[in-house]
Amino acid sequence: MVEKIAEILNINLIFLPPYSPCLNPIEDVWRKIKNIISNHDFKEVNELEKEFLTIFNEIIGEVSFYENWLKQFI
């Protein structure tokens, strides 16, 4: 069903092999967040949550992040 909808919407799906975290772009996002957050000393959980959301939104807004990932498959 998803494949049919993607075809109708002219969306190209990229199927990744199972158990291949090195090919999954979200793993790069988590790795980058962990590297940044690990250098901070948070006093409150709220501070950590706020920093996480800020970093996450910055990363997913980076066009170059996705372009670099897509170049591996094109």
PDB file of N, CA and C in Angstrom:
ATOM      1  N   MET A   1       0.817  -1.180   0.000  1.00  0.00           N
ATOM      2  CA  MET A   1       0.000   0.000   0.000  1.00  0.00           C
ATOM      3  C   MET A   1       0.875   1.264   0.000  1.00  0.00           C
ATOM      4  N   VAL A   2       1.909   1.264   0.822  1.00  0.00           N
ATOM      5  CA  VAL A   2       2.811   2.417   0.890  1.00  0.00           C
ATOM      6  C   VAL A   2       3.504   2.619  -0.454  1.00  0.00           C
ATOM      7  N   GLU A   3       3.920   1.526  -1.073  1.00  0.00           N
ATOM      8  CA  GLU A   3       4.591   1.631  -2.364  1.00  0.00           C
ATOM      9  C   GLU A   3       3.656   2.228  -3.419  1.00  0.00           C
ATOM     10  N   LYS A   4       2.401   1.837  -3.398  1.00  0.00           N
ATOM     11  CA  LYS A   4       1.426   2.345  -4.352  1.00  0.00           C
ATOM     12  C   LYS A   4       1.201   3.849  -4.149  1.00  0.00           C
ATOM     13  N   ILE A   5       1.049   4.271  -2.898  1.00  0.00           N
ATOM     14  CA  ILE A   5       0.853   5.693  -2.585  1.00  0.00           C
ATOM     15  C   ILE A   5       2.083   6.494  -2.996  1.00  0.00           C
ATOM     16  N   ALA A   6       3.274   5.961  -2.714  1.00  0.00           N
ATOM     17  CA  ALA A   6       4.507   6.645  -3.095  1.00  0.00           C
ATOM     18  C   ALA A   6       4.574   6.805  -4.615  1.00  0.00           C
ATOM     19  N   GLU A   7       4.165   5.789  -5.334  1.00  0.00           N
ATOM     20  CA  GLU A   7       4.160   5.860  -6.794  1.00  0.00           C
ATOM     21  C   GLU A   7       3.198   6.947  -7.281  1.00  0.00           C
ATOM     22  N   ILE A   8       2.017   7.011  -6.694  1.00  0.00           N
ATOM     23  CA  ILE A   8       1.025   8.020  -7.062  1.00  0.00           C
ATOM     24  C   ILE A   8       1.557   9.427  -6.788  1.00  0.00           C
ATOM     25  N   LEU A   9       2.262   9.586  -5.674  1.00  0.00           N
ATOM     26  CA  LEU A   9       2.798  10.889  -5.275  1.00  0.00           C
ATOM     27  C   LEU A   9       4.165  11.184  -5.888  1.00  0.00           C
ATOM     28  N   ASN A  10       4.626  10.271  -6.750  1.00  0.00           N
ATOM     29  CA  ASN A  10       5.912  10.421  -7.411  1.00  0.00           C
ATOM     30  C   ASN A  10       7.059  10.521  -6.395  1.00  0.00           C
ATOM     31  N   ILE A  11       7.026   9.633  -5.412  1.00  0.00           N
ATOM     32  CA  ILE A  11       8.061   9.563  -4.380  1.00  0.00           C
ATOM     33  C   ILE A  11       8.876   8.301  -4.614  1.00  0.00           C
ATOM     34  N   ASN A  12      10.190   8.446  -4.675  1.00  0.00           N
ATOM     35  CA  ASN A  12      11.075   7.286  -4.829  1.00  0.00           C
ATOM     36  C   ASN A  12      11.452   6.769  -3.444  1.00  0.00           C
ATOM     37  N   LEU A  13      11.093   5.539  -3.160  1.00  0.00           N
ATOM     38  CA  LEU A  13      11.440   4.933  -1.887  1.00  0.00           C
ATOM     39  C   LEU A  13      12.825   4.307  -1.989  1.00  0.00           C
ATOM     40  N   ILE A  14      13.593   4.409  -0.922  1.00  0.00           N
ATOM     41  CA  ILE A  14      14.901   3.776  -0.848  1.00  0.00           C
ATOM     42  C   ILE A  14      14.811   2.700   0.224  1.00  0.00           C
ATOM     43  N   PHE A  15      14.943   1.461  -0.198  1.00  0.00           N
ATOM     44  CA  PHE A  15      14.852   0.342   0.738  1.00  0.00           C
ATOM     45  C   PHE A  15      16.248   0.001   1.238  1.00  0.00           C
ATOM     46  N   LEU A  16      16.391  -0.045   2.537  1.00  0.00           N
ATOM     47  CA  LEU A  16      17.664  -0.376   3.156  1.00  0.00           C
ATOM     48  C   LEU A  16      17.652  -1.833   3.586  1.00  0.00           C
ATOM     49  N   PRO A  17      18.800  -2.495   3.534  1.00  0.00           N
ATOM     50  CA  PRO A  17      18.851  -3.874   4.006  1.00  0.00           C
ATOM     51  C   PRO A  17      18.589  -3.921   5.517  1.00  0.00           C
ATOM     52  N   PRO A  18      17.968  -5.001   5.987  1.00  0.00           N
ATOM     53  CA  PRO A  18      17.724  -5.102   7.432  1.00  0.00           C
ATOM     54  C   PRO A  18      19.037  -5.152   8.210  1.00  0.00           C
ATOM     55  N   TYR A  19      18.992  -4.650   9.421  1.00  0.00           N
ATOM     56  CA  TYR A  19      20.139  -4.658  10.331  1.00  0.00           C
ATOM     57  C   TYR A  19      21.347  -3.939   9.734  1.00  0.00           C
ATOM     58  N   SER A  20      21.091  -2.790   9.134  1.00  0.00           N
ATOM     59  CA  SER A  20      22.167  -1.991   8.544  1.00  0.00           C
ATOM     60  C   SER A  20      22.133  -0.565   9.091  1.00  0.00           C
ATOM     61  N   PRO A  21      22.433  -0.396  10.374  1.00  0.00           N
ATOM     62  CA  PRO A  21      22.350   0.940  10.963  1.00  0.00           C
ATOM     63  C   PRO A  21      23.296   1.941  10.308  1.00  0.00           C
ATOM     64  N   CYS A  22      24.389   1.455   9.706  1.00  0.00           N
ATOM     65  CA  CYS A  22      25.322   2.374   9.063  1.00  0.00           C
ATOM     66  C   CYS A  22      24.704   3.031   7.828  1.00  0.00           C
ATOM     67  N   LEU A  23      23.626   2.458   7.303  1.00  0.00           N
ATOM     68  CA  LEU A  23      22.956   3.028   6.138  1.00  0.00           C
ATOM     69  C   LEU A  23      21.734   3.856   6.517  1.00  0.00           C
ATOM     70  N   ASN A  24      21.337   3.805   7.776  1.00  0.00           N
ATOM     71  CA  ASN A  24      20.140   4.491   8.232  1.00  0.00           C
ATOM     72  C   ASN A  24      20.494   5.918   8.653  1.00  0.00           C
ATOM     73  N   PRO A  25      19.922   6.924   7.985  1.00  0.00           N
ATOM     74  CA  PRO A  25      20.318   8.311   8.278  1.00  0.00           C
ATOM     75  C   PRO A  25      20.022   8.764   9.699  1.00  0.00           C
ATOM     76  N   ILE A  26      19.030   8.180  10.355  1.00  0.00           N
ATOM     77  CA  ILE A  26      18.725   8.617  11.722  1.00  0.00           C
ATOM     78  C   ILE A  26      19.871   8.267  12.672  1.00  0.00           C
ATOM     79  N   GLU A  27      20.629   7.226  12.345  1.00  0.00           N
ATOM     80  CA  GLU A  27      21.764   6.855  13.190  1.00  0.00           C
ATOM     81  C   GLU A  27      22.829   7.953  13.179  1.00  0.00           C
ATOM     82  N   ASP A  28      23.013   8.595  12.031  1.00  0.00           N
ATOM     83  CA  ASP A  28      23.955   9.718  11.966  1.00  0.00           C
ATOM     84  C   ASP A  28      23.464  10.895  12.794  1.00  0.00           C
ATOM     85  N   VAL A  29      22.152  11.110  12.792  1.00  0.00           N
ATOM     86  CA  VAL A  29      21.567  12.182  13.606  1.00  0.00           C
ATOM     87  C   VAL A  29      21.832  11.908  15.078  1.00  0.00           C
ATOM     88  N   TRP A  30      21.544  10.677  15.529  1.00  0.00           N
ATOM     89  CA  TRP A  30      21.759  10.332  16.947  1.00  0.00           C
ATOM     90  C   TRP A  30      23.228  10.474  17.315  1.00  0.00           C
ATOM     91  N   ARG A  31      24.126  10.011  16.435  1.00  0.00           N
ATOM     92  CA  ARG A  31      25.559  10.082  16.709  1.00  0.00           C
ATOM     93  C   ARG A  31      26.000  11.537  16.890  1.00  0.00           C
ATOM     94  N   LYS A  32      25.531  12.404  16.022  1.00  0.00           N
ATOM     95  CA  LYS A  32      25.911  13.817  16.106  1.00  0.00           C
ATOM     96  C   LYS A  32      25.364  14.447  17.393  1.00  0.00           C
ATOM     97  N   ILE A  33      24.120  14.131  17.744  1.00  0.00           N
ATOM     98  CA  ILE A  33      23.523  14.666  18.972  1.00  0.00           C
ATOM     99  C   ILE A  33      24.295  14.182  20.195  1.00  0.00           C
ATOM    100  N   LYS A  34      24.606  12.879  20.229  1.00  0.00           N
ATOM    101  CA  LYS A  34      25.336  12.329  21.375  1.00  0.00           C
ATOM    102  C   LYS A  34      26.708  12.984  21.533  1.00  0.00           C
ATOM    103  N   ASN A  35      27.382  13.238  20.415  1.00  0.00           N
ATOM    104  CA  ASN A  35      28.700  13.881  20.492  1.00  0.00           C
ATOM    105  C   ASN A  35      28.607  15.280  21.074  1.00  0.00           C
ATOM    106  N   ILE A  36      27.593  16.015  20.710  1.00  0.00           N
ATOM    107  CA  ILE A  36      27.432  17.383  21.215  1.00  0.00           C
ATOM    108  C   ILE A  36      26.990  17.382  22.674  1.00  0.00           C
ATOM    109  N   ILE A  37      26.004  16.584  22.996  1.00  0.00           N
ATOM    110  CA  ILE A  37      25.433  16.566  24.350  1.00  0.00           C
ATOM    111  C   ILE A  37      26.410  16.003  25.382  1.00  0.00           C
ATOM    112  N   SER A  38      27.231  15.056  24.969  1.00  0.00           N
ATOM    113  CA  SER A  38      28.146  14.432  25.931  1.00  0.00           C
ATOM    114  C   SER A  38      29.165  15.415  26.501  1.00  0.00           C
ATOM    115  N   ASN A  39      29.358  16.544  25.840  1.00  0.00           N
ATOM    116  CA  ASN A  39      30.317  17.544  26.318  1.00  0.00           C
ATOM    117  C   ASN A  39      29.702  18.552  27.286  1.00  0.00           C
ATOM    118  N   HIS A  40      28.431  18.389  27.618  1.00  0.00           N
ATOM    119  CA  HIS A  40      27.748  19.319  28.514  1.00  0.00           C
ATOM    120  C   HIS A  40      27.459  18.660  29.860  1.00  0.00           C
ATOM    121  N   ASP A  41      27.389  19.490  30.886  1.00  0.00           N
ATOM    122  CA  ASP A  41      27.021  19.027  32.222  1.00  0.00           C
ATOM    123  C   ASP A  41      25.660  19.631  32.548  1.00  0.00           C
ATOM    124  N   PHE A  42      24.614  18.843  32.376  1.00  0.00           N
ATOM    125  CA  PHE A  42      23.258  19.339  32.598  1.00  0.00           C
ATOM    126  C   PHE A  42      22.852  19.128  34.051  1.00  0.00           C
ATOM    127  N   LYS A  43      22.283  20.172  34.633  1.00  0.00           N
ATOM    128  CA  LYS A  43      21.826  20.105  36.024  1.00  0.00           C
ATOM    129  C   LYS A  43      20.395  19.576  36.120  1.00  0.00           C
ATOM    130  N   GLU A  44      19.613  19.841  35.071  1.00  0.00           N
ATOM    131  CA  GLU A  44      18.195  19.468  35.072  1.00  0.00           C
ATOM    132  C   GLU A  44      17.856  18.723  33.785  1.00  0.00           C
ATOM    133  N   VAL A  45      16.895  17.842  33.872  1.00  0.00           N
ATOM    134  CA  VAL A  45      16.425  17.111  32.693  1.00  0.00           C
ATOM    135  C   VAL A  45      15.860  18.080  31.665  1.00  0.00           C
ATOM    136  N   ASN A  46      15.214  19.137  32.143  1.00  0.00           N
ATOM    137  CA  ASN A  46      14.637  20.128  31.224  1.00  0.00           C
ATOM    138  C   ASN A  46      15.715  20.768  30.342  1.00  0.00           C
ATOM    139  N   GLU A  47      16.890  21.017  30.924  1.00  0.00           N
ATOM    140  CA  GLU A  47      17.995  21.590  30.154  1.00  0.00           C
ATOM    141  C   GLU A  47      18.420  20.627  29.049  1.00  0.00           C
ATOM    142  N   LEU A  48      18.518  19.361  29.401  1.00  0.00           N
ATOM    143  CA  LEU A  48      18.896  18.336  28.430  1.00  0.00           C
ATOM    144  C   LEU A  48      17.865  18.241  27.309  1.00  0.00           C
ATOM    145  N   GLU A  49      16.592  18.220  27.662  1.00  0.00           N
ATOM    146  CA  GLU A  49      15.526  18.143  26.664  1.00  0.00           C
ATOM    147  C   GLU A  49      15.563  19.339  25.716  1.00  0.00           C
ATOM    148  N   LYS A  50      15.744  20.503  26.273  1.00  0.00           N
ATOM    149  CA  LYS A  50      15.776  21.718  25.470  1.00  0.00           C
ATOM    150  C   LYS A  50      16.967  21.692  24.506  1.00  0.00           C
ATOM    151  N   GLU A  51      18.130  21.322  25.011  1.00  0.00           N
ATOM    152  CA  GLU A  51      19.331  21.238  24.172  1.00  0.00           C
ATOM    153  C   GLU A  51      19.158  20.182  23.078  1.00  0.00           C
ATOM    154  N   PHE A  52      18.585  19.040  23.454  1.00  0.00           N
ATOM    155  CA  PHE A  52      18.343  17.980  22.476  1.00  0.00           C
ATOM    156  C   PHE A  52      17.459  18.477  21.336  1.00  0.00           C
ATOM    157  N   LEU A  53      16.349  19.102  21.685  1.00  0.00           N
ATOM    158  CA  LEU A  53      15.429  19.601  20.653  1.00  0.00           C
ATOM    159  C   LEU A  53      16.079  20.651  19.759  1.00  0.00           C
ATOM    160  N   THR A  54      16.868  21.513  20.357  1.00  0.00           N
ATOM    161  CA  THR A  54      17.561  22.541  19.575  1.00  0.00           C
ATOM    162  C   THR A  54      18.510  21.901  18.567  1.00  0.00           C
ATOM    163  N   ILE A  55      19.321  20.982  19.035  1.00  0.00           N
ATOM    164  CA  ILE A  55      20.289  20.316  18.159  1.00  0.00           C
ATOM    165  C   ILE A  55      19.573  19.493  17.095  1.00  0.00           C
ATOM    166  N   PHE A  56      18.565  18.741  17.500  1.00  0.00           N
ATOM    167  CA  PHE A  56      17.810  17.903  16.562  1.00  0.00           C
ATOM    168  C   PHE A  56      17.208  18.744  15.441  1.00  0.00           C
ATOM    169  N   ASN A  57      16.569  19.843  15.804  1.00  0.00           N
ATOM    170  CA  ASN A  57      15.947  20.704  14.794  1.00  0.00           C
ATOM    171  C   ASN A  57      16.978  21.334  13.865  1.00  0.00           C
ATOM    172  N   GLU A  58      18.152  21.648  14.394  1.00  0.00           N
ATOM    173  CA  GLU A  58      19.211  22.184  13.541  1.00  0.00           C
ATOM    174  C   GLU A  58      19.675  21.131  12.538  1.00  0.00           C
ATOM    175  N   ILE A  59      19.877  19.920  13.010  1.00  0.00           N
ATOM    176  CA  ILE A  59      20.376  18.846  12.147  1.00  0.00           C
ATOM    177  C   ILE A  59      19.376  18.507  11.051  1.00  0.00           C
ATOM    178  N   ILE A  60      18.121  18.327  11.417  1.00  0.00           N
ATOM    179  CA  ILE A  60      17.154  17.925  10.389  1.00  0.00           C
ATOM    180  C   ILE A  60      16.855  19.059   9.422  1.00  0.00           C
ATOM    181  N   GLY A  61      17.227  20.272   9.788  1.00  0.00           N
ATOM    182  CA  GLY A  61      17.046  21.402   8.891  1.00  0.00           C
ATOM    183  C   GLY A  61      18.199  21.591   7.922  1.00  0.00           C
ATOM    184  N   GLU A  62      19.273  20.829   8.118  1.00  0.00           N
ATOM    185  CA  GLU A  62      20.444  20.941   7.253  1.00  0.00           C
ATOM    186  C   GLU A  62      20.212  20.182   5.954  1.00  0.00           C
ATOM    187  N   VAL A  63      20.091  20.899   4.876  1.00  0.00           N
ATOM    188  CA  VAL A  63      19.892  20.255   3.576  1.00  0.00           C
ATOM    189  C   VAL A  63      21.108  19.409   3.225  1.00  0.00           C
ATOM    190  N   SER A  64      22.289  19.906   3.537  1.00  0.00           N
ATOM    191  CA  SER A  64      23.513  19.178   3.199  1.00  0.00           C
ATOM    192  C   SER A  64      23.562  17.805   3.873  1.00  0.00           C
ATOM    193  N   PHE A  65      22.964  17.689   5.042  1.00  0.00           N
ATOM    194  CA  PHE A  65      22.950  16.419   5.753  1.00  0.00           C
ATOM    195  C   PHE A  65      22.270  15.353   4.903  1.00  0.00           C
ATOM    196  N   TYR A  66      21.115  15.682   4.347  1.00  0.00           N
ATOM    197  CA  TYR A  66      20.362  14.733   3.536  1.00  0.00           C
ATOM    198  C   TYR A  66      20.987  14.554   2.162  1.00  0.00           C
ATOM    199  N   GLU A  67      21.512  15.622   1.597  1.00  0.00           N
ATOM    200  CA  GLU A  67      22.146  15.520   0.284  1.00  0.00           C
ATOM    201  C   GLU A  67      23.335  14.573   0.341  1.00  0.00           C
ATOM    202  N   ASN A  68      24.132  14.679   1.378  1.00  0.00           N
ATOM    203  CA  ASN A  68      25.285  13.789   1.534  1.00  0.00           C
ATOM    204  C   ASN A  68      24.847  12.342   1.687  1.00  0.00           C
ATOM    205  N   TRP A  69      23.785  12.111   2.423  1.00  0.00           N
ATOM    206  CA  TRP A  69      23.286  10.752   2.611  1.00  0.00           C
ATOM    207  C   TRP A  69      22.762  10.196   1.292  1.00  0.00           C
ATOM    208  N   LEU A  70      22.014  10.989   0.555  1.00  0.00           N
ATOM    209  CA  LEU A  70      21.447  10.537  -0.714  1.00  0.00           C
ATOM    210  C   LEU A  70      22.507  10.239  -1.760  1.00  0.00           C
ATOM    211  N   LYS A  71      23.614  10.961  -1.731  1.00  0.00           N
ATOM    212  CA  LYS A  71      24.676  10.743  -2.705  1.00  0.00           C
ATOM    213  C   LYS A  71      25.227   9.312  -2.619  1.00  0.00           C
ATOM    214  N   GLN A  72      25.096   8.687  -1.473  1.00  0.00           N
ATOM    215  CA  GLN A  72      25.577   7.326  -1.321  1.00  0.00           C
ATOM    216  C   GLN A  72      24.758   6.340  -2.164  1.00  0.00           C
ATOM    217  N   PHE A  73      23.516   6.707  -2.466  1.00  0.00           N
ATOM    218  CA  PHE A  73      22.613   5.771  -3.141  1.00  0.00           C
ATOM    219  C   PHE A  73      22.324   6.144  -4.573  1.00  0.00           C
ATOM    220  N   ILE A  74      22.747   7.307  -4.990  1.00  0.00           N
ATOM    221  CA  ILE A  74      22.442   7.756  -6.366  1.00  0.00           C
ATOM    222  C   ILE A  74      23.641   7.549  -7.248  1.00  0.00           C
TER     223      ILE A  74
END
